[in-house]
Amino acid sequence: MTGVGPVDPAIVRVGFIGLGNVGGKLAGSLLRNGVSVVALDLDAARVDHFVALGAVAAESPIAVTEQCDVVITCLPSPMASAAVMEADDGVIAGLRPGTVWMEMSTTDSAEIARLGALVAGAGGAAVDCPVSGGCHRAATGNISIFAGTDRPTFERVLPLLTILGRRVLHTGDLGSASVLKVATNYLATANLIAVTEALTTMTAAGVDLATTYEAFRISSGNSFVHETEGQVILNGGRDISFTMDLVLKDIGLFQDIADAAGVPLEMNPMMINIFNDAAARYGDREWSPNVIRRLEDATGVSVTAPGFPAELFDDEPEEAGAEIIVRR
């Protein structure tokens, strides 16, 4: 992959904290496109990998922030983000007037608002900008990004967002992107459970699974989850770089939003129960598509078929991103 074009000269250096399954791929897009990156992760081997690619290592969040115009965090939980932001050697302690903090984790909108106020109090600006579309698209810069912040700040970081992703949607004020991201993860989870039930039922009924996959793909029953996660389910490896504890975090956050809004959800509490049971059986860090093992165990069938990939790859060429304009 050769990148998508020159970097906006207004963005001099970007700090990236959290080089895990998603963050590492996003940071790779920055480096691939010529952005100067200062990297930090609890795993020193991850940092060393990015230093070999041209990044600069930092020893603490404050050290990242003191060197950068923009600081990105991509971390597994709201608690982790709060620790990185508020520690004595955290991001907020190193903020200079005009620094932008971009939170790319999937997190709680109230927590974003709280930390954003602290950032603003230190003279900086905050953006919540979670991604959606899978790790394979994060790797190529073709993922979608929601961005919640005031319009001037959005326009300031848009050149950076269009390197990180292909479709960029300004969702409104700070926190709005996180609310929408949690909703999209709820929908993805609902699709995943439906796909596992449909595939298991077809297996038990004796229908060829390769034919089943194509039938679902070309029909009204198709979904992004079927086309992507359906393949690694049928492979049997079921590695989509997303684990059961993360699903439970996301649909738990969605439940909190619904409860606060007074919406009496019916499906989501059932989904929480399903994933709680799966996590208890197979472990919090089991790949999320292995929720299907509950059905395989109950029926004695194996929902696998030859010819499906063990890992997802984005075969679309990397393209420069652009803002998605909302129809009014």
C-alpha atoms as a PDB file:
ATOM      1  CA  MET A   1       0.000   0.000   0.000  1.00  0.00           C
ATOM      2  CA  THR A   2       1.479   3.328  -1.027  1.00  0.00           C
ATOM      3  CA  GLY A   3      -0.718   5.829   0.782  1.00  0.00           C
ATOM      4  CA  VAL A   4      -3.279   8.316  -0.372  1.00  0.00           C
ATOM      5  CA  GLY A   5      -1.449  11.602  -0.756  1.00  0.00           C
ATOM      6  CA  PRO A   6       0.308  14.429   1.058  1.00  0.00           C
ATOM      7  CA  VAL A   7      -0.289  15.311   4.690  1.00  0.00           C
ATOM      8  CA  ASP A   8      -1.807  18.674   5.589  1.00  0.00           C
ATOM      9  CA  PRO A   9       1.155  20.826   6.726  1.00  0.00           C
ATOM     10  CA  ALA A  10      -0.942  22.199   9.606  1.00  0.00           C
ATOM     11  CA  ILE A  11      -0.712  18.768  11.260  1.00  0.00           C
ATOM     12  CA  VAL A  12       2.915  18.611  12.312  1.00  0.00           C
ATOM     13  CA  ARG A  13       3.125  15.658  14.690  1.00  0.00           C
ATOM     14  CA  VAL A  14       0.526  13.211  15.990  1.00  0.00           C
ATOM     15  CA  GLY A  15       0.715  11.262  19.231  1.00  0.00           C
ATOM     16  CA  PHE A  16      -0.866   7.813  19.222  1.00  0.00           C
ATOM     17  CA  ILE A  17      -1.593   6.075  22.522  1.00  0.00           C
ATOM     18  CA  GLY A  18      -2.890   2.505  22.248  1.00  0.00           C
ATOM     19  CA  LEU A  19      -1.440   0.297  19.504  1.00  0.00           C
ATOM     20  CA  GLY A  20      -3.746  -2.715  19.852  1.00  0.00           C
ATOM     21  CA  ASN A  21      -5.900  -4.474  17.281  1.00  0.00           C
ATOM     22  CA  VAL A  22      -7.510  -1.279  15.993  1.00  0.00           C
ATOM     23  CA  GLY A  23      -5.115   1.415  17.174  1.00  0.00           C
ATOM     24  CA  GLY A  24      -2.088  -0.252  15.674  1.00  0.00           C
ATOM     25  CA  LYS A  25      -3.712  -0.391  12.261  1.00  0.00           C
ATOM     26  CA  LEU A  26      -4.827   3.250  12.447  1.00  0.00           C
ATOM     27  CA  ALA A  27      -1.341   4.344  13.493  1.00  0.00           C
ATOM     28  CA  GLY A  28       0.013   2.354  10.566  1.00  0.00           C
ATOM     29  CA  SER A  29      -2.140   4.376   8.175  1.00  0.00           C
ATOM     30  CA  LEU A  30      -0.655   7.593   9.543  1.00  0.00           C
ATOM     31  CA  LEU A  31       2.916   6.373   9.104  1.00  0.00           C
ATOM     32  CA  ARG A  32       2.188   4.979   5.657  1.00  0.00           C
ATOM     33  CA  ASN A  33       0.963   8.404   4.591  1.00  0.00           C
ATOM     34  CA  GLY A  34       3.927  10.363   5.914  1.00  0.00           C
ATOM     35  CA  VAL A  35       2.538  11.627   9.214  1.00  0.00           C
ATOM     36  CA  SER A  36       5.083  12.047  12.002  1.00  0.00           C
ATOM     37  CA  VAL A  37       3.920   9.807  14.863  1.00  0.00           C
ATOM     38  CA  VAL A  38       4.904   9.595  18.529  1.00  0.00           C
ATOM     39  CA  ALA A  39       3.846   6.172  19.812  1.00  0.00           C
ATOM     40  CA  LEU A  40       2.992   4.803  23.254  1.00  0.00           C
ATOM     41  CA  ASP A  41       1.620   1.442  24.394  1.00  0.00           C
ATOM     42  CA  LEU A  42       1.918  -0.742  27.478  1.00  0.00           C
ATOM     43  CA  ASP A  43       3.380  -3.436  25.218  1.00  0.00           C
ATOM     44  CA  ALA A  44       6.959  -2.382  24.435  1.00  0.00           C
ATOM     45  CA  ALA A  45       7.128  -4.791  21.492  1.00  0.00           C
ATOM     46  CA  ARG A  46       4.301  -2.928  19.775  1.00  0.00           C
ATOM     47  CA  VAL A  47       6.122   0.369  20.230  1.00  0.00           C
ATOM     48  CA  ASP A  48       9.350  -1.145  18.896  1.00  0.00           C
ATOM     49  CA  HIS A  49       7.467  -2.317  15.798  1.00  0.00           C
ATOM     50  CA  PHE A  50       6.272   1.199  15.065  1.00  0.00           C
ATOM     51  CA  VAL A  51       9.672   2.728  15.790  1.00  0.00           C
ATOM     52  CA  ALA A  52      11.036   0.404  13.103  1.00  0.00           C
ATOM     53  CA  LEU A  53       8.434   1.881  10.750  1.00  0.00           C
ATOM     54  CA  GLY A  54       9.518   5.435  11.547  1.00  0.00           C
ATOM     55  CA  ALA A  55       7.626   6.438  14.690  1.00  0.00           C
ATOM     56  CA  VAL A  56       9.212   8.033  17.735  1.00  0.00           C
ATOM     57  CA  ALA A  57       8.766   6.277  21.079  1.00  0.00           C
ATOM     58  CA  ALA A  58       7.572   8.053  24.216  1.00  0.00           C
ATOM     59  CA  GLU A  59       7.717   6.908  27.821  1.00  0.00           C
ATOM     60  CA  SER A  60       4.474   8.439  29.126  1.00  0.00           C
ATOM     61  CA  PRO A  61       1.272  10.168  27.980  1.00  0.00           C
ATOM     62  CA  ILE A  62       2.626  13.537  29.080  1.00  0.00           C
ATOM     63  CA  ALA A  63       5.740  12.971  26.997  1.00  0.00           C
ATOM     64  CA  VAL A  64       3.544  12.212  23.978  1.00  0.00           C
ATOM     65  CA  THR A  65       1.454  15.326  24.482  1.00  0.00           C
ATOM     66  CA  GLU A  66       4.366  17.687  24.984  1.00  0.00           C
ATOM     67  CA  GLN A  67       5.686  16.759  21.534  1.00  0.00           C
ATOM     68  CA  CYS A  68       2.445  16.747  19.545  1.00  0.00           C
ATOM     69  CA  ASP A  69      -0.228  18.982  18.051  1.00  0.00           C
ATOM     70  CA  VAL A  70      -2.803  16.176  18.063  1.00  0.00           C
ATOM     71  CA  VAL A  71      -3.021  13.281  20.527  1.00  0.00           C
ATOM     72  CA  ILE A  72      -5.053  10.195  19.631  1.00  0.00           C
ATOM     73  CA  THR A  73      -6.124   7.599  22.169  1.00  0.00           C
ATOM     74  CA  CYS A  74      -7.461   4.202  21.122  1.00  0.00           C
ATOM     75  CA  LEU A  75      -7.946   2.124  24.250  1.00  0.00           C
ATOM     76  CA  PRO A  76     -10.081  -0.847  25.376  1.00  0.00           C
ATOM     77  CA  SER A  77     -12.308   0.839  27.977  1.00  0.00           C
ATOM     78  CA  PRO A  78     -13.469   4.182  29.407  1.00  0.00           C
ATOM     79  CA  MET A  79     -11.446   3.374  32.536  1.00  0.00           C
ATOM     80  CA  ALA A  80      -8.278   2.998  30.481  1.00  0.00           C
ATOM     81  CA  SER A  81      -8.886   6.296  28.703  1.00  0.00           C
ATOM     82  CA  ALA A  82      -9.502   8.109  31.981  1.00  0.00           C
ATOM     83  CA  ALA A  83      -6.265   6.731  33.422  1.00  0.00           C
ATOM     84  CA  VAL A  84      -4.247   7.860  30.402  1.00  0.00           C
ATOM     85  CA  MET A  85      -5.853  11.299  30.388  1.00  0.00           C
ATOM     86  CA  GLU A  86      -5.896  12.123  34.113  1.00  0.00           C
ATOM     87  CA  ALA A  87      -2.764  10.538  35.562  1.00  0.00           C
ATOM     88  CA  ASP A  88      -0.082  12.804  36.989  1.00  0.00           C
ATOM     89  CA  ASP A  89       1.920  12.045  33.852  1.00  0.00           C
ATOM     90  CA  GLY A  90      -1.185  11.925  31.670  1.00  0.00           C
ATOM     91  CA  VAL A  91      -2.277  13.687  28.516  1.00  0.00           C
ATOM     92  CA  ILE A  92      -4.058  16.568  30.247  1.00  0.00           C
ATOM     93  CA  ALA A  93      -0.959  17.398  32.275  1.00  0.00           C
ATOM     94  CA  GLY A  94       0.968  17.968  29.053  1.00  0.00           C
ATOM     95  CA  LEU A  95      -1.627  19.902  27.062  1.00  0.00           C
ATOM     96  CA  ARG A  96      -0.705  23.202  25.456  1.00  0.00           C
ATOM     97  CA  PRO A  97      -3.271  25.723  24.188  1.00  0.00           C
ATOM     98  CA  GLY A  98      -4.541  24.512  20.828  1.00  0.00           C
ATOM     99  CA  THR A  99      -3.711  20.843  21.281  1.00  0.00           C
ATOM    100  CA  VAL A 100      -6.439  18.511  20.006  1.00  0.00           C
ATOM    101  CA  TRP A 101      -7.318  15.272  21.775  1.00  0.00           C
ATOM    102  CA  MET A 102      -8.984  12.701  19.521  1.00  0.00           C
ATOM    103  CA  GLU A 103     -10.628   9.785  21.353  1.00  0.00           C
ATOM    104  CA  MET A 104     -10.932   6.883  18.908  1.00  0.00           C
ATOM    105  CA  SER A 105     -11.992   4.299  21.489  1.00  0.00           C
ATOM    106  CA  THR A 106     -15.578   3.083  21.746  1.00  0.00           C
ATOM    107  CA  THR A 107     -16.593   4.706  25.000  1.00  0.00           C
ATOM    108  CA  ASP A 108     -19.282   6.373  27.073  1.00  0.00           C
ATOM    109  CA  SER A 109     -20.560   9.754  25.884  1.00  0.00           C
ATOM    110  CA  ALA A 110     -20.824  11.122  29.431  1.00  0.00           C
ATOM    111  CA  GLU A 111     -17.211  10.202  30.064  1.00  0.00           C
ATOM    112  CA  ILE A 112     -16.202  11.871  26.800  1.00  0.00           C
ATOM    113  CA  ALA A 113     -17.995  15.032  27.911  1.00  0.00           C
ATOM    114  CA  ARG A 114     -16.276  14.953  31.311  1.00  0.00           C
ATOM    115  CA  LEU A 115     -12.789  14.478  29.902  1.00  0.00           C
ATOM    116  CA  GLY A 116     -13.502  16.929  27.092  1.00  0.00           C
ATOM    117  CA  ALA A 117     -14.298  19.611  29.640  1.00  0.00           C
ATOM    118  CA  LEU A 118     -10.943  19.001  31.313  1.00  0.00           C
ATOM    119  CA  VAL A 119      -9.203  19.252  27.949  1.00  0.00           C
ATOM    120  CA  ALA A 120     -11.016  22.508  27.175  1.00  0.00           C
ATOM    121  CA  GLY A 121     -10.076  23.839  30.601  1.00  0.00           C
ATOM    122  CA  ALA A 122      -6.427  23.265  29.725  1.00  0.00           C
ATOM    123  CA  GLY A 123      -6.826  25.197  26.476  1.00  0.00           C
ATOM    124  CA  GLY A 124      -7.244  22.225  24.157  1.00  0.00           C
ATOM    125  CA  ALA A 125     -10.054  20.833  22.025  1.00  0.00           C
ATOM    126  CA  ALA A 126     -11.654  17.391  22.102  1.00  0.00           C
ATOM    127  CA  VAL A 127     -13.098  15.133  19.399  1.00  0.00           C
ATOM    128  CA  ASP A 128     -14.718  11.742  19.888  1.00  0.00           C
ATOM    129  CA  CYS A 129     -14.089   9.858  16.679  1.00  0.00           C
ATOM    130  CA  PRO A 130     -14.691   6.110  16.944  1.00  0.00           C
ATOM    131  CA  VAL A 131     -14.304   3.907  13.879  1.00  0.00           C
ATOM    132  CA  SER A 132     -16.586   1.309  12.330  1.00  0.00           C
ATOM    133  CA  GLY A 133     -16.086  -1.345   9.676  1.00  0.00           C
ATOM    134  CA  GLY A 134     -13.697  -3.929  11.085  1.00  0.00           C
ATOM    135  CA  CYS A 135      -9.987  -4.244  11.745  1.00  0.00           C
ATOM    136  CA  HIS A 136      -9.337  -5.314   8.152  1.00  0.00           C
ATOM    137  CA  ARG A 137     -10.537  -1.925   6.930  1.00  0.00           C
ATOM    138  CA  ALA A 138      -8.676  -0.061   9.659  1.00  0.00           C
ATOM    139  CA  ALA A 139      -5.523  -1.635   8.226  1.00  0.00           C
ATOM    140  CA  THR A 140      -6.070  -0.082   4.791  1.00  0.00           C
ATOM    141  CA  GLY A 141      -7.399   3.316   5.829  1.00  0.00           C
ATOM    142  CA  ASN A 142     -10.785   2.422   4.333  1.00  0.00           C
ATOM    143  CA  ILE A 143     -12.693   2.321   7.613  1.00  0.00           C
ATOM    144  CA  SER A 144     -15.556   4.696   8.476  1.00  0.00           C
ATOM    145  CA  ILE A 145     -15.171   7.341  11.174  1.00  0.00           C
ATOM    146  CA  PHE A 146     -17.760   9.248  13.209  1.00  0.00           C
ATOM    147  CA  ALA A 147     -16.568  12.577  14.623  1.00  0.00           C
ATOM    148  CA  GLY A 148     -18.262  14.569  17.370  1.00  0.00           C
ATOM    149  CA  THR A 149     -16.999  18.096  18.031  1.00  0.00           C
ATOM    150  CA  ASP A 150     -17.655  21.703  17.062  1.00  0.00           C
ATOM    151  CA  ARG A 151     -17.429  22.434  13.356  1.00  0.00           C
ATOM    152  CA  PRO A 152     -14.183  24.485  13.432  1.00  0.00           C
ATOM    153  CA  THR A 153     -12.343  21.719  15.290  1.00  0.00           C
ATOM    154  CA  PHE A 154     -13.785  19.110  12.925  1.00  0.00           C
ATOM    155  CA  GLU A 155     -12.504  21.034   9.914  1.00  0.00           C
ATOM    156  CA  ARG A 156      -9.104  21.366  11.548  1.00  0.00           C
ATOM    157  CA  VAL A 157      -8.699  17.591  11.982  1.00  0.00           C
ATOM    158  CA  LEU A 158     -10.575  16.531   8.824  1.00  0.00           C
ATOM    159  CA  PRO A 159      -7.342  16.178   6.786  1.00  0.00           C
ATOM    160  CA  LEU A 160      -6.114  13.732   9.414  1.00  0.00           C
ATOM    161  CA  LEU A 161      -9.431  11.876   9.594  1.00  0.00           C
ATOM    162  CA  THR A 162      -9.418  11.380   5.825  1.00  0.00           C
ATOM    163  CA  ILE A 163      -6.052   9.647   6.120  1.00  0.00           C
ATOM    164  CA  LEU A 164      -7.301   7.395   8.899  1.00  0.00           C
ATOM    165  CA  GLY A 165     -10.582   6.517   7.157  1.00  0.00           C
ATOM    166  CA  ARG A 166     -12.479   6.665   3.876  1.00  0.00           C
ATOM    167  CA  ARG A 167     -15.901   7.868   5.040  1.00  0.00           C
ATOM    168  CA  VAL A 168     -15.956  10.578   7.702  1.00  0.00           C
ATOM    169  CA  LEU A 169     -19.230  11.724   9.260  1.00  0.00           C
ATOM    170  CA  HIS A 170     -19.494  14.833  11.440  1.00  0.00           C
ATOM    171  CA  THR A 171     -22.124  13.730  13.934  1.00  0.00           C
ATOM    172  CA  GLY A 172     -22.571  16.936  15.926  1.00  0.00           C
ATOM    173  CA  ASP A 173     -21.272  18.001  19.319  1.00  0.00           C
ATOM    174  CA  LEU A 174     -18.722  16.163  21.426  1.00  0.00           C
ATOM    175  CA  GLY A 175     -20.148  12.815  22.568  1.00  0.00           C
ATOM    176  CA  SER A 176     -22.572  12.369  19.679  1.00  0.00           C
ATOM    177  CA  ALA A 177     -20.177  10.102  17.790  1.00  0.00           C
ATOM    178  CA  SER A 178     -19.836   7.775  20.764  1.00  0.00           C
ATOM    179  CA  VAL A 179     -23.612   7.433  21.095  1.00  0.00           C
ATOM    180  CA  LEU A 180     -23.929   6.522  17.423  1.00  0.00           C
ATOM    181  CA  LYS A 181     -20.959   4.115  17.526  1.00  0.00           C
ATOM    182  CA  VAL A 182     -22.489   2.203  20.431  1.00  0.00           C
ATOM    183  CA  ALA A 183     -25.735   1.953  18.460  1.00  0.00           C
ATOM    184  CA  THR A 184     -23.935   0.562  15.412  1.00  0.00           C
ATOM    185  CA  ASN A 185     -22.194  -2.033  17.587  1.00  0.00           C
ATOM    186  CA  TYR A 186     -25.578  -3.028  19.025  1.00  0.00           C
ATOM    187  CA  LEU A 187     -26.822  -3.580  15.468  1.00  0.00           C
ATOM    188  CA  ALA A 188     -23.707  -5.565  14.559  1.00  0.00           C
ATOM    189  CA  THR A 189     -24.187  -7.780  17.622  1.00  0.00           C
ATOM    190  CA  ALA A 190     -27.820  -8.406  16.734  1.00  0.00           C
ATOM    191  CA  ASN A 191     -26.723  -9.359  13.217  1.00  0.00           C
ATOM    192  CA  LEU A 192     -24.011 -11.659  14.578  1.00  0.00           C
ATOM    193  CA  ILE A 193     -26.427 -13.568  16.792  1.00  0.00           C
ATOM    194  CA  ALA A 194     -28.926 -13.877  13.930  1.00  0.00           C
ATOM    195  CA  VAL A 195     -26.228 -15.121  11.558  1.00  0.00           C
ATOM    196  CA  THR A 196     -25.035 -17.758  14.048  1.00  0.00           C
ATOM    197  CA  GLU A 197     -28.585 -19.004  14.539  1.00  0.00           C
ATOM    198  CA  ALA A 198     -29.279 -19.119  10.797  1.00  0.00           C
ATOM    199  CA  LEU A 199     -26.024 -20.916   9.949  1.00  0.00           C
ATOM    200  CA  THR A 200     -26.466 -23.449  12.746  1.00  0.00           C
ATOM    201  CA  THR A 201     -30.050 -24.159  11.699  1.00  0.00           C
ATOM    202  CA  MET A 202     -29.022 -24.701   8.070  1.00  0.00           C
ATOM    203  CA  THR A 203     -26.251 -27.053   9.216  1.00  0.00           C
ATOM    204  CA  ALA A 204     -28.617 -29.077  11.385  1.00  0.00           C
ATOM    205  CA  ALA A 205     -31.132 -29.190   8.515  1.00  0.00           C
ATOM    206  CA  GLY A 206     -28.518 -30.650   6.193  1.00  0.00           C
ATOM    207  CA  VAL A 207     -28.179 -27.671   3.833  1.00  0.00           C
ATOM    208  CA  ASP A 208     -24.761 -27.157   2.197  1.00  0.00           C
ATOM    209  CA  LEU A 209     -23.025 -24.287   3.978  1.00  0.00           C
ATOM    210  CA  ALA A 210     -21.187 -22.875   0.977  1.00  0.00           C
ATOM    211  CA  THR A 211     -24.515 -22.621  -0.821  1.00  0.00           C
ATOM    212  CA  THR A 212     -26.085 -21.187   2.328  1.00  0.00           C
ATOM    213  CA  TYR A 213     -23.444 -18.469   2.514  1.00  0.00           C
ATOM    214  CA  GLU A 214     -24.123 -17.380  -1.070  1.00  0.00           C
ATOM    215  CA  ALA A 215     -27.898 -17.571  -0.635  1.00  0.00           C
ATOM    216  CA  PHE A 216     -27.737 -15.225   2.350  1.00  0.00           C
ATOM    217  CA  ARG A 217     -25.248 -12.951   0.575  1.00  0.00           C
ATOM    218  CA  ILE A 218     -27.433 -12.327  -2.492  1.00  0.00           C
ATOM    219  CA  SER A 219     -30.706 -12.064  -0.601  1.00  0.00           C
ATOM    220  CA  SER A 220     -32.655  -9.710   1.605  1.00  0.00           C
ATOM    221  CA  GLY A 221     -31.073 -11.539   4.544  1.00  0.00           C
ATOM    222  CA  ASN A 222     -27.633 -10.170   3.732  1.00  0.00           C
ATOM    223  CA  SER A 223     -25.664  -7.947   6.086  1.00  0.00           C
ATOM    224  CA  PHE A 224     -22.151  -6.594   6.548  1.00  0.00           C
ATOM    225  CA  VAL A 225     -21.728  -9.035   9.442  1.00  0.00           C
ATOM    226  CA  HIS A 226     -22.729 -12.013   7.288  1.00  0.00           C
ATOM    227  CA  GLU A 227     -20.318 -11.061   4.492  1.00  0.00           C
ATOM    228  CA  THR A 228     -17.409 -10.583   6.910  1.00  0.00           C
ATOM    229  CA  GLU A 229     -17.824 -12.498  10.164  1.00  0.00           C
ATOM    230  CA  GLY A 230     -19.851 -15.192   8.430  1.00  0.00           C
ATOM    231  CA  GLN A 231     -16.727 -16.198   6.537  1.00  0.00           C
ATOM    232  CA  VAL A 232     -14.482 -16.611   9.575  1.00  0.00           C
ATOM    233  CA  ILE A 233     -17.276 -18.462  11.385  1.00  0.00           C
ATOM    234  CA  LEU A 234     -17.429 -20.989   8.553  1.00  0.00           C
ATOM    235  CA  ASN A 235     -13.640 -21.217   8.490  1.00  0.00           C
ATOM    236  CA  GLY A 236     -13.727 -22.288  12.131  1.00  0.00           C
ATOM    237  CA  GLY A 237     -10.940 -19.924  13.263  1.00  0.00           C
ATOM    238  CA  ARG A 238     -13.377 -17.106  14.062  1.00  0.00           C
ATOM    239  CA  ASP A 239     -10.702 -14.476  14.572  1.00  0.00           C
ATOM    240  CA  ILE A 240     -11.994 -10.992  13.855  1.00  0.00           C
ATOM    241  CA  SER A 241      -9.725  -9.324  16.458  1.00  0.00           C
ATOM    242  CA  PHE A 242     -12.763  -8.562  18.630  1.00  0.00           C
ATOM    243  CA  THR A 243     -13.528 -10.369  21.873  1.00  0.00           C
ATOM    244  CA  MET A 244     -16.586 -11.157  23.959  1.00  0.00           C
ATOM    245  CA  ASP A 245     -15.711  -8.717  26.728  1.00  0.00           C
ATOM    246  CA  LEU A 246     -15.656  -5.891  24.181  1.00  0.00           C
ATOM    247  CA  VAL A 247     -19.072  -6.902  22.851  1.00  0.00           C
ATOM    248  CA  LEU A 248     -20.432  -6.861  26.401  1.00  0.00           C
ATOM    249  CA  LYS A 249     -18.919  -3.434  26.997  1.00  0.00           C
ATOM    250  CA  ASP A 250     -20.533  -2.031  23.854  1.00  0.00           C
ATOM    251  CA  ILE A 251     -24.019  -3.483  24.245  1.00  0.00           C
ATOM    252  CA  GLY A 252     -23.878  -2.570  27.931  1.00  0.00           C
ATOM    253  CA  LEU A 253     -23.218   1.040  26.959  1.00  0.00           C
ATOM    254  CA  PHE A 254     -26.127   0.872  24.519  1.00  0.00           C
ATOM    255  CA  GLN A 255     -28.363  -0.434  27.303  1.00  0.00           C
ATOM    256  CA  ASP A 256     -27.308   2.500  29.482  1.00  0.00           C
ATOM    257  CA  ILE A 257     -28.295   4.940  26.726  1.00  0.00           C
ATOM    258  CA  ALA A 258     -31.680   3.278  26.286  1.00  0.00           C
ATOM    259  CA  ASP A 259     -32.322   3.154  30.032  1.00  0.00           C
ATOM    260  CA  ALA A 260     -31.488   6.850  30.392  1.00  0.00           C
ATOM    261  CA  ALA A 261     -33.828   7.672  27.497  1.00  0.00           C
ATOM    262  CA  GLY A 262     -36.628   5.516  28.914  1.00  0.00           C
ATOM    263  CA  VAL A 263     -36.698   3.074  26.001  1.00  0.00           C
ATOM    264  CA  PRO A 264     -37.888  -0.403  27.093  1.00  0.00           C
ATOM    265  CA  LEU A 265     -35.567  -2.537  24.971  1.00  0.00           C
ATOM    266  CA  GLU A 266     -36.349  -6.209  24.504  1.00  0.00           C
ATOM    267  CA  MET A 267     -33.626  -7.626  22.255  1.00  0.00           C
ATOM    268  CA  ASN A 268     -30.597  -6.035  23.895  1.00  0.00           C
ATOM    269  CA  PRO A 269     -31.151  -7.533  27.372  1.00  0.00           C
ATOM    270  CA  MET A 270     -31.455 -10.939  25.702  1.00  0.00           C
ATOM    271  CA  MET A 271     -28.220 -10.317  23.813  1.00  0.00           C
ATOM    272  CA  ILE A 272     -26.447  -9.344  27.023  1.00  0.00           C
ATOM    273  CA  ASN A 273     -27.601 -12.618  28.582  1.00  0.00           C
ATOM    274  CA  ILE A 274     -26.417 -14.592  25.555  1.00  0.00           C
ATOM    275  CA  PHE A 275     -22.944 -13.051  25.611  1.00  0.00           C
ATOM    276  CA  ASN A 276     -22.650 -13.270  29.380  1.00  0.00           C
ATOM    277  CA  ASP A 277     -23.339 -16.982  29.074  1.00  0.00           C
ATOM    278  CA  ALA A 278     -20.860 -17.377  26.213  1.00  0.00           C
ATOM    279  CA  ALA A 279     -18.153 -15.461  28.108  1.00  0.00           C
ATOM    280  CA  ALA A 280     -18.730 -17.636  31.179  1.00  0.00           C
ATOM    281  CA  ARG A 281     -18.407 -20.798  29.075  1.00  0.00           C
ATOM    282  CA  TYR A 282     -15.523 -19.886  26.792  1.00  0.00           C
ATOM    283  CA  GLY A 283     -13.791 -16.899  28.417  1.00  0.00           C
ATOM    284  CA  ASP A 284     -14.024 -13.107  28.243  1.00  0.00           C
ATOM    285  CA  ARG A 285     -11.207 -12.953  25.697  1.00  0.00           C
ATOM    286  CA  GLU A 286     -12.677 -15.511  23.314  1.00  0.00           C
ATOM    287  CA  TRP A 287     -13.320 -14.195  19.807  1.00  0.00           C
ATOM    288  CA  SER A 288     -16.855 -12.826  19.626  1.00  0.00           C
ATOM    289  CA  PRO A 289     -18.028 -14.984  16.668  1.00  0.00           C
ATOM    290  CA  ASN A 290     -17.486 -18.016  18.890  1.00  0.00           C
ATOM    291  CA  VAL A 291     -20.784 -17.165  20.518  1.00  0.00           C
ATOM    292  CA  ILE A 292     -21.914 -19.752  17.957  1.00  0.00           C
ATOM    293  CA  ARG A 293     -20.269 -22.450  20.079  1.00  0.00           C
ATOM    294  CA  ARG A 294     -23.292 -22.306  22.410  1.00  0.00           C
ATOM    295  CA  LEU A 295     -25.426 -23.560  19.516  1.00  0.00           C
ATOM    296  CA  GLU A 296     -22.824 -26.026  18.272  1.00  0.00           C
ATOM    297  CA  ASP A 297     -22.574 -27.508  21.759  1.00  0.00           C
ATOM    298  CA  ALA A 298     -26.360 -27.692  22.105  1.00  0.00           C
ATOM    299  CA  THR A 299     -26.909 -29.385  18.733  1.00  0.00           C
ATOM    300  CA  GLY A 300     -23.731 -31.415  18.331  1.00  0.00           C
ATOM    301  CA  VAL A 301     -23.062 -29.953  14.868  1.00  0.00           C
ATOM    302  CA  SER A 302     -19.967 -28.168  13.602  1.00  0.00           C
ATOM    303  CA  VAL A 303     -20.784 -25.024  11.629  1.00  0.00           C
ATOM    304  CA  THR A 304     -17.729 -25.048   9.374  1.00  0.00           C
ATOM    305  CA  ALA A 305     -17.071 -25.458   5.681  1.00  0.00           C
ATOM    306  CA  PRO A 306     -13.972 -25.607   3.468  1.00  0.00           C
ATOM    307  CA  GLY A 307     -12.905 -22.679   1.318  1.00  0.00           C
ATOM    308  CA  PHE A 308     -13.519 -19.831   3.747  1.00  0.00           C
ATOM    309  CA  PRO A 309     -10.690 -17.582   5.023  1.00  0.00           C
ATOM    310  CA  ALA A 310      -9.220 -17.658   8.528  1.00  0.00           C
ATOM    311  CA  GLU A 311      -8.649 -13.917   8.482  1.00  0.00           C
ATOM    312  CA  LEU A 312     -10.339 -10.974   6.809  1.00  0.00           C
ATOM    313  CA  PHE A 313      -8.425  -8.742   4.415  1.00  0.00           C
ATOM    314  CA  ASP A 314      -9.625  -5.570   2.732  1.00  0.00           C
ATOM    315  CA  ASP A 315      -8.980  -6.100  -0.971  1.00  0.00           C
ATOM    316  CA  GLU A 316     -10.158  -2.630  -1.964  1.00  0.00           C
ATOM    317  CA  PRO A 317      -7.362  -0.189  -2.826  1.00  0.00           C
ATOM    318  CA  GLU A 318      -6.659   2.507  -0.271  1.00  0.00           C
ATOM    319  CA  GLU A 319      -8.481   5.712  -1.163  1.00  0.00           C
ATOM    320  CA  ALA A 320      -8.360   9.221   0.173  1.00  0.00           C
ATOM    321  CA  GLY A 321     -11.208   9.776   2.599  1.00  0.00           C
ATOM    322  CA  ALA A 322     -13.951  12.347   2.364  1.00  0.00           C
ATOM    323  CA  GLU A 323     -16.657  13.818   4.551  1.00  0.00           C
ATOM    324  CA  ILE A 324     -20.100  12.255   4.256  1.00  0.00           C
ATOM    325  CA  ILE A 325     -22.677  15.013   3.847  1.00  0.00           C
ATOM    326  CA  VAL A 326     -25.902  14.399   5.761  1.00  0.00           C
ATOM    327  CA  ARG A 327     -29.096  14.782   3.706  1.00  0.00           C
ATOM    328  CA  ARG A 328     -31.419  17.373   5.212  1.00  0.00           C
END
